[in-house]
PDB file of all heavy atoms in Angstrom:
ATOM      1  N   SER A   1       0.828  -1.205   0.000  1.00  0.00           N
ATOM      2  CA  SER A   1       0.000   0.000   0.000  1.00  0.00           C
ATOM      3  C   SER A   1       0.864   1.258   0.000  1.00  0.00           C
ATOM      4  O   SER A   1       0.474   2.281  -0.557  1.00  0.00           O
ATOM      5  CB  SER A   1      -0.936  -0.013   1.216  1.00  0.00           C
ATOM      6  OG  SER A   1      -0.195  -0.146   2.414  1.00  0.00           O
ATOM      7  N   GLU A   2       2.044   1.186   0.610  1.00  0.00           N
ATOM      8  CA  GLU A   2       2.938   2.340   0.663  1.00  0.00           C
ATOM      9  C   GLU A   2       3.560   2.653  -0.695  1.00  0.00           C
ATOM     10  O   GLU A   2       3.963   3.774  -0.973  1.00  0.00           O
ATOM     11  CB  GLU A   2       4.046   2.108   1.695  1.00  0.00           C
ATOM     12  CG  GLU A   2       3.559   2.084   3.135  1.00  0.00           C
ATOM     13  CD  GLU A   2       4.690   1.944   4.126  1.00  0.00           C
ATOM     14  OE1 GLU A   2       5.858   1.870   3.681  1.00  0.00           O
ATOM     15  OE2 GLU A   2       4.425   1.906   5.335  1.00  0.00           O
ATOM     16  N   GLU A   3       3.669   1.639  -1.531  1.00  0.00           N
ATOM     17  CA  GLU A   3       4.331   1.822  -2.819  1.00  0.00           C
ATOM     18  C   GLU A   3       3.368   2.089  -3.974  1.00  0.00           C
ATOM     19  O   GLU A   3       3.791   2.264  -5.115  1.00  0.00           O
ATOM     20  CB  GLU A   3       5.153   0.569  -3.156  1.00  0.00           C
ATOM     21  CG  GLU A   3       6.288   0.300  -2.181  1.00  0.00           C
ATOM     22  CD  GLU A   3       6.989  -1.016  -2.471  1.00  0.00           C
ATOM     23  OE1 GLU A   3       6.421  -1.828  -3.229  1.00  0.00           O
ATOM     24  OE2 GLU A   3       8.091  -1.226  -1.960  1.00  0.00           O
ATOM     25  N   LEU A   4       2.076   2.127  -3.675  1.00  0.00           N
ATOM     26  CA  LEU A   4       1.095   2.216  -4.759  1.00  0.00           C
ATOM     27  C   LEU A   4       1.243   3.483  -5.607  1.00  0.00           C
ATOM     28  O   LEU A   4       0.886   3.489  -6.786  1.00  0.00           O
ATOM     29  CB  LEU A   4      -0.324   2.136  -4.195  1.00  0.00           C
ATOM     30  CG  LEU A   4      -0.770   0.720  -3.808  1.00  0.00           C
ATOM     31  CD1 LEU A   4      -2.138   0.751  -3.167  1.00  0.00           C
ATOM     32  CD2 LEU A   4      -0.774  -0.190  -5.017  1.00  0.00           C
ATOM     33  N   GLY A   5       1.774   4.517  -5.013  1.00  0.00           N
ATOM     34  CA  GLY A   5       1.954   5.736  -5.780  1.00  0.00           C
ATOM     35  C   GLY A   5       3.093   5.669  -6.771  1.00  0.00           C
ATOM     36  O   GLY A   5       3.252   6.551  -7.612  1.00  0.00           O
ATOM     37  N   LYS A   6       3.930   4.644  -6.669  1.00  0.00           N
ATOM     38  CA  LYS A   6       5.096   4.522  -7.545  1.00  0.00           C
ATOM     39  C   LYS A   6       5.018   3.264  -8.410  1.00  0.00           C
ATOM     40  O   LYS A   6       6.031   2.647  -8.733  1.00  0.00           O
ATOM     41  CB  LYS A   6       6.372   4.451  -6.700  1.00  0.00           C
ATOM     42  CG  LYS A   6       6.524   5.601  -5.729  1.00  0.00           C
ATOM     43  CD  LYS A   6       7.730   5.367  -4.831  1.00  0.00           C
ATOM     44  CE  LYS A   6       7.859   6.455  -3.800  1.00  0.00           C
ATOM     45  NZ  LYS A   6       8.991   6.230  -2.884  1.00  0.00           N
ATOM     46  N   ILE A   7       3.802   2.855  -8.748  1.00  0.00           N
ATOM     47  CA  ILE A   7       3.636   1.595  -9.479  1.00  0.00           C
ATOM     48  C   ILE A   7       4.280   1.661 -10.860  1.00  0.00           C
ATOM     49  O   ILE A   7       4.038   2.562 -11.629  1.00  0.00           O
ATOM     50  CB  ILE A   7       2.133   1.252  -9.627  1.00  0.00           C
ATOM     51  CG1 ILE A   7       1.549   0.908  -8.265  1.00  0.00           C
ATOM     52  CG2 ILE A   7       1.933   0.102 -10.606  1.00  0.00           C
ATOM     53  CD1 ILE A   7       0.078   0.617  -8.299  1.00  0.00           C
ATOM     54  N   GLU A   8       5.121   0.699 -11.141  1.00  0.00           N
ATOM     55  CA  GLU A   8       5.718   0.536 -12.459  1.00  0.00           C
ATOM     56  C   GLU A   8       5.672  -0.948 -12.799  1.00  0.00           C
ATOM     57  O   GLU A   8       5.949  -1.799 -11.961  1.00  0.00           O
ATOM     58  CB  GLU A   8       7.180   0.994 -12.471  1.00  0.00           C
ATOM     59  CG  GLU A   8       7.353   2.473 -12.269  1.00  0.00           C
ATOM     60  CD  GLU A   8       8.819   2.863 -12.239  1.00  0.00           C
ATOM     61  OE1 GLU A   8       9.655   1.954 -12.408  1.00  0.00           O
ATOM     62  OE2 GLU A   8       9.098   4.042 -12.051  1.00  0.00           O
ATOM     63  N   ALA A   9       5.323  -1.264 -14.017  1.00  0.00           N
ATOM     64  CA  ALA A   9       5.279  -2.669 -14.419  1.00  0.00           C
ATOM     65  C   ALA A   9       6.690  -3.226 -14.437  1.00  0.00           C
ATOM     66  O   ALA A   9       7.580  -2.668 -15.048  1.00  0.00           O
ATOM     67  CB  ALA A   9       4.651  -2.803 -15.802  1.00  0.00           C
ATOM     68  N   THR A  10       6.904  -4.308 -13.726  1.00  0.00           N
ATOM     69  CA  THR A  10       8.221  -4.930 -13.662  1.00  0.00           C
ATOM     70  C   THR A  10       8.105  -6.425 -13.910  1.00  0.00           C
ATOM     71  O   THR A  10       7.028  -7.010 -13.814  1.00  0.00           O
ATOM     72  CB  THR A  10       8.873  -4.708 -12.279  1.00  0.00           C
ATOM     73  OG1 THR A  10       8.031  -5.292 -11.289  1.00  0.00           O
ATOM     74  CG2 THR A  10       9.076  -3.247 -11.990  1.00  0.00           C
ATOM     75  N   GLN A  11       9.200  -7.002 -14.220  1.00  0.00           N
ATOM     76  CA  GLN A  11       9.256  -8.456 -14.416  1.00  0.00           C
ATOM     77  C   GLN A  11      10.466  -8.970 -13.678  1.00  0.00           C
ATOM     78  O   GLN A  11      11.571  -8.529 -13.900  1.00  0.00           O
ATOM     79  CB  GLN A  11       9.369  -8.815 -15.901  1.00  0.00           C
ATOM     80  CG  GLN A  11       9.428 -10.292 -16.150  1.00  0.00           C
ATOM     81  CD  GLN A  11       9.390 -10.618 -17.629  1.00  0.00           C
ATOM     82  OE1 GLN A  11       8.874  -9.863 -18.428  1.00  0.00           O
ATOM     83  NE2 GLN A  11       9.951 -11.748 -17.985  1.00  0.00           N
ATOM     84  N   THR A  12      10.236  -9.869 -12.764  1.00  0.00           N
ATOM     85  CA  THR A  12      11.307 -10.391 -11.942  1.00  0.00           C
ATOM     86  C   THR A  12      11.691 -11.773 -12.416  1.00  0.00           C
ATOM     87  O   THR A  12      10.838 -12.636 -12.593  1.00  0.00           O
ATOM     88  CB  THR A  12      10.856 -10.467 -10.462  1.00  0.00           C
ATOM     89  OG1 THR A  12      10.446  -9.165 -10.070  1.00  0.00           O
ATOM     90  CG2 THR A  12      11.977 -10.955  -9.574  1.00  0.00           C
ATOM     91  N   VAL A  13      12.961 -11.967 -12.622  1.00  0.00           N
ATOM     92  CA  VAL A  13      13.453 -13.274 -13.053  1.00  0.00           C
ATOM     93  C   VAL A  13      13.627 -14.160 -11.846  1.00  0.00           C
ATOM     94  O   VAL A  13      14.147 -13.740 -10.815  1.00  0.00           O
ATOM     95  CB  VAL A  13      14.811 -13.128 -13.791  1.00  0.00           C
ATOM     96  CG1 VAL A  13      15.324 -14.489 -14.221  1.00  0.00           C
ATOM     97  CG2 VAL A  13      14.638 -12.214 -14.995  1.00  0.00           C
ATOM     98  N   GLU A  14      13.148 -15.376 -11.937  1.00  0.00           N
ATOM     99  CA  GLU A  14      13.263 -16.327 -10.835  1.00  0.00           C
ATOM    100  C   GLU A  14      14.732 -16.605 -10.553  1.00  0.00           C
ATOM    101  O   GLU A  14      15.543 -16.775 -11.458  1.00  0.00           O
ATOM    102  CB  GLU A  14      12.570 -17.633 -11.208  1.00  0.00           C
ATOM    103  CG  GLU A  14      11.900 -18.267 -10.036  1.00  0.00           C
ATOM    104  CD  GLU A  14      11.073 -19.476 -10.437  1.00  0.00           C
ATOM    105  OE1 GLU A  14      10.929 -19.736 -11.625  1.00  0.00           O
ATOM    106  OE2 GLU A  14      10.594 -20.144  -9.523  1.00  0.00           O
ATOM    107  N   PRO A  15      15.144 -16.610  -9.271  1.00  0.00           N
ATOM    108  CA  PRO A  15      16.543 -16.808  -8.929  1.00  0.00           C
ATOM    109  C   PRO A  15      17.041 -18.190  -9.328  1.00  0.00           C
ATOM    110  O   PRO A  15      16.277 -19.157  -9.348  1.00  0.00           O
ATOM    111  CB  PRO A  15      16.543 -16.654  -7.399  1.00  0.00           C
ATOM    112  CG  PRO A  15      15.149 -16.961  -6.979  1.00  0.00           C
ATOM    113  CD  PRO A  15      14.280 -16.490  -8.095  1.00  0.00           C
ATOM    114  N   GLU A  16      18.324 -18.245  -9.644  1.00  0.00           N
ATOM    115  CA  GLU A  16      18.927 -19.529  -9.974  1.00  0.00           C
ATOM    116  C   GLU A  16      18.988 -20.406  -8.744  1.00  0.00           C
ATOM    117  O   GLU A  16      19.195 -19.934  -7.631  1.00  0.00           O
ATOM    118  CB  GLU A  16      20.356 -19.316 -10.488  1.00  0.00           C
ATOM    119  CG  GLU A  16      20.414 -18.572 -11.800  1.00  0.00           C
ATOM    120  CD  GLU A  16      21.846 -18.401 -12.259  1.00  0.00           C
ATOM    121  OE1 GLU A  16      22.741 -18.975 -11.611  1.00  0.00           O
ATOM    122  OE2 GLU A  16      22.062 -17.705 -13.250  1.00  0.00           O
ATOM    123  N   LYS A  17      18.825 -21.695  -8.955  1.00  0.00           N
ATOM    124  CA  LYS A  17      18.942 -22.631  -7.853  1.00  0.00           C
ATOM    125  C   LYS A  17      20.403 -22.844  -7.523  1.00  0.00           C
ATOM    126  O   LYS A  17      21.237 -22.988  -8.403  1.00  0.00           O
ATOM    127  CB  LYS A  17      18.286 -23.968  -8.209  1.00  0.00           C
ATOM    128  CG  LYS A  17      16.770 -23.871  -8.314  1.00  0.00           C
ATOM    129  CD  LYS A  17      16.166 -25.229  -8.547  1.00  0.00           C
ATOM    130  CE  LYS A  17      14.646 -25.124  -8.602  1.00  0.00           C
ATOM    131  NZ  LYS A  17      14.027 -26.434  -8.846  1.00  0.00           N
ATOM    132  N   LYS A  18      20.681 -22.851  -6.245  1.00  0.00           N
ATOM    133  CA  LYS A  18      22.063 -23.024  -5.822  1.00  0.00           C
ATOM    134  C   LYS A  18      22.473 -24.485  -5.957  1.00  0.00           C
ATOM    135  O   LYS A  18      21.678 -25.381  -5.705  1.00  0.00           O
ATOM    136  CB  LYS A  18      22.222 -22.579  -4.368  1.00  0.00           C
ATOM    137  CG  LYS A  18      21.973 -21.098  -4.187  1.00  0.00           C
ATOM    138  CD  LYS A  18      22.104 -20.730  -2.730  1.00  0.00           C
ATOM    139  CE  LYS A  18      22.001 -19.233  -2.552  1.00  0.00           C
ATOM    140  NZ  LYS A  18      20.745 -18.686  -2.978  1.00  0.00           N
ATOM    141  N   PRO A  19      23.713 -24.744  -6.343  1.00  0.00           N
ATOM    142  CA  PRO A  19      24.171 -26.126  -6.446  1.00  0.00           C
ATOM    143  C   PRO A  19      24.215 -26.784  -5.077  1.00  0.00           C
ATOM    144  O   PRO A  19      24.466 -26.135  -4.068  1.00  0.00           O
ATOM    145  CB  PRO A  19      25.589 -25.980  -7.021  1.00  0.00           C
ATOM    146  CG  PRO A  19      26.009 -24.602  -6.646  1.00  0.00           C
ATOM    147  CD  PRO A  19      24.767 -23.777  -6.676  1.00  0.00           C
ATOM    148  N   ALA A  20      23.945 -28.063  -5.054  1.00  0.00           N
ATOM    149  CA  ALA A  20      23.943 -28.805  -3.787  1.00  0.00           C
ATOM    150  C   ALA A  20      25.354 -28.963  -3.256  1.00  0.00           C
ATOM    151  O   ALA A  20      26.310 -29.118  -3.991  1.00  0.00           O
ATOM    152  CB  ALA A  20      23.324 -30.186  -3.995  1.00  0.00           C
ATOM    153  N   ALA A  21      25.467 -28.874  -1.935  1.00  0.00           N
ATOM    154  CA  ALA A  21      26.760 -29.127  -1.306  1.00  0.00           C
ATOM    155  C   ALA A  21      26.979 -30.625  -1.216  1.00  0.00           C
ATOM    156  O   ALA A  21      26.125 -31.418  -1.570  1.00  0.00           O
ATOM    157  CB  ALA A  21      26.795 -28.480   0.072  1.00  0.00           C
ATOM    158  N   SER A  22      28.128 -31.033  -0.720  1.00  0.00           N
ATOM    159  CA  SER A  22      28.499 -32.440  -0.822  1.00  0.00           C
ATOM    160  C   SER A  22      28.299 -33.246   0.450  1.00  0.00           C
ATOM    161  O   SER A  22      28.199 -34.454   0.403  1.00  0.00           O
ATOM    162  CB  SER A  22      29.969 -32.544  -1.239  1.00  0.00           C
ATOM    163  OG  SER A  22      30.783 -31.852  -0.317  1.00  0.00           O
ATOM    164  N   ILE A  23      28.214 -32.576   1.614  1.00  0.00           N
ATOM    165  CA  ILE A  23      28.180 -33.321   2.870  1.00  0.00           C
ATOM    166  C   ILE A  23      27.144 -32.718   3.819  1.00  0.00           C
ATOM    167  O   ILE A  23      26.971 -31.510   3.867  1.00  0.00           O
ATOM    168  CB  ILE A  23      29.559 -33.286   3.581  1.00  0.00           C
ATOM    169  CG1 ILE A  23      30.656 -33.760   2.642  1.00  0.00           C
ATOM    170  CG2 ILE A  23      29.556 -34.128   4.838  1.00  0.00           C
ATOM    171  CD1 ILE A  23      32.047 -33.528   3.182  1.00  0.00           C
ATOM    172  N   ILE A  24      26.472 -33.570   4.556  1.00  0.00           N
ATOM    173  CA  ILE A  24      25.610 -33.103   5.631  1.00  0.00           C
ATOM    174  C   ILE A  24      26.388 -33.248   6.931  1.00  0.00           C
ATOM    175  O   ILE A  24      26.823 -34.335   7.280  1.00  0.00           O
ATOM    176  CB  ILE A  24      24.314 -33.932   5.720  1.00  0.00           C
ATOM    177  CG1 ILE A  24      23.536 -33.837   4.418  1.00  0.00           C
ATOM    178  CG2 ILE A  24      23.453 -33.469   6.874  1.00  0.00           C
ATOM    179  CD1 ILE A  24      22.307 -34.694   4.381  1.00  0.00           C
ATOM    180  N   THR A  25      26.549 -32.138   7.650  1.00  0.00           N
ATOM    181  CA  THR A  25      27.340 -32.210   8.877  1.00  0.00           C
ATOM    182  C   THR A  25      26.468 -32.203  10.127  1.00  0.00           C
ATOM    183  O   THR A  25      26.957 -32.476  11.209  1.00  0.00           O
ATOM    184  CB  THR A  25      28.300 -31.009   8.963  1.00  0.00           C
ATOM    185  OG1 THR A  25      27.531 -29.806   8.941  1.00  0.00           O
ATOM    186  CG2 THR A  25      29.266 -31.010   7.803  1.00  0.00           C
ATOM    187  N   ASN A  26      25.185 -31.880   9.989  1.00  0.00           N
ATOM    188  CA  ASN A  26      24.358 -31.688  11.165  1.00  0.00           C
ATOM    189  C   ASN A  26      23.658 -32.961  11.632  1.00  0.00           C
ATOM    190  O   ASN A  26      23.040 -33.651  10.851  1.00  0.00           O
ATOM    191  CB  ASN A  26      23.299 -30.627  10.883  1.00  0.00           C
ATOM    192  CG  ASN A  26      22.483 -30.354  12.125  1.00  0.00           C
ATOM    193  OD1 ASN A  26      22.970 -29.740  13.055  1.00  0.00           O
ATOM    194  ND2 ASN A  26      21.264 -30.828  12.135  1.00  0.00           N
ATOM    195  N   LYS A  27      23.787 -33.250  12.926  1.00  0.00           N
ATOM    196  CA  LYS A  27      23.088 -34.393  13.512  1.00  0.00           C
ATOM    197  C   LYS A  27      22.368 -33.974  14.786  1.00  0.00           C
ATOM    198  O   LYS A  27      21.970 -34.820  15.579  1.00  0.00           O
ATOM    199  CB  LYS A  27      24.082 -35.514  13.823  1.00  0.00           C
ATOM    200  CG  LYS A  27      24.720 -36.135  12.580  1.00  0.00           C
ATOM    201  CD  LYS A  27      25.657 -37.266  12.957  1.00  0.00           C
ATOM    202  CE  LYS A  27      26.298 -37.881  11.719  1.00  0.00           C
ATOM    203  NZ  LYS A  27      27.257 -38.955  12.059  1.00  0.00           N
ATOM    204  N   THR A  28      22.219 -32.678  14.999  1.00  0.00           N
ATOM    205  CA  THR A  28      21.660 -32.183  16.252  1.00  0.00           C
ATOM    206  C   THR A  28      20.292 -31.541  16.089  1.00  0.00           C
ATOM    207  O   THR A  28      19.815 -30.883  17.005  1.00  0.00           O
ATOM    208  CB  THR A  28      22.624 -31.153  16.877  1.00  0.00           C
ATOM    209  OG1 THR A  28      22.851 -30.100  15.928  1.00  0.00           O
ATOM    210  CG2 THR A  28      23.937 -31.791  17.265  1.00  0.00           C
TER     211      THR A  28
END
């Protein structure tokens, strides 16, 4: 509602998926 006065048509590109890491270290 605060930004309604500045409306501009935009297109947002979906972020790239991060590559998976190799090891799970958490057991807690």
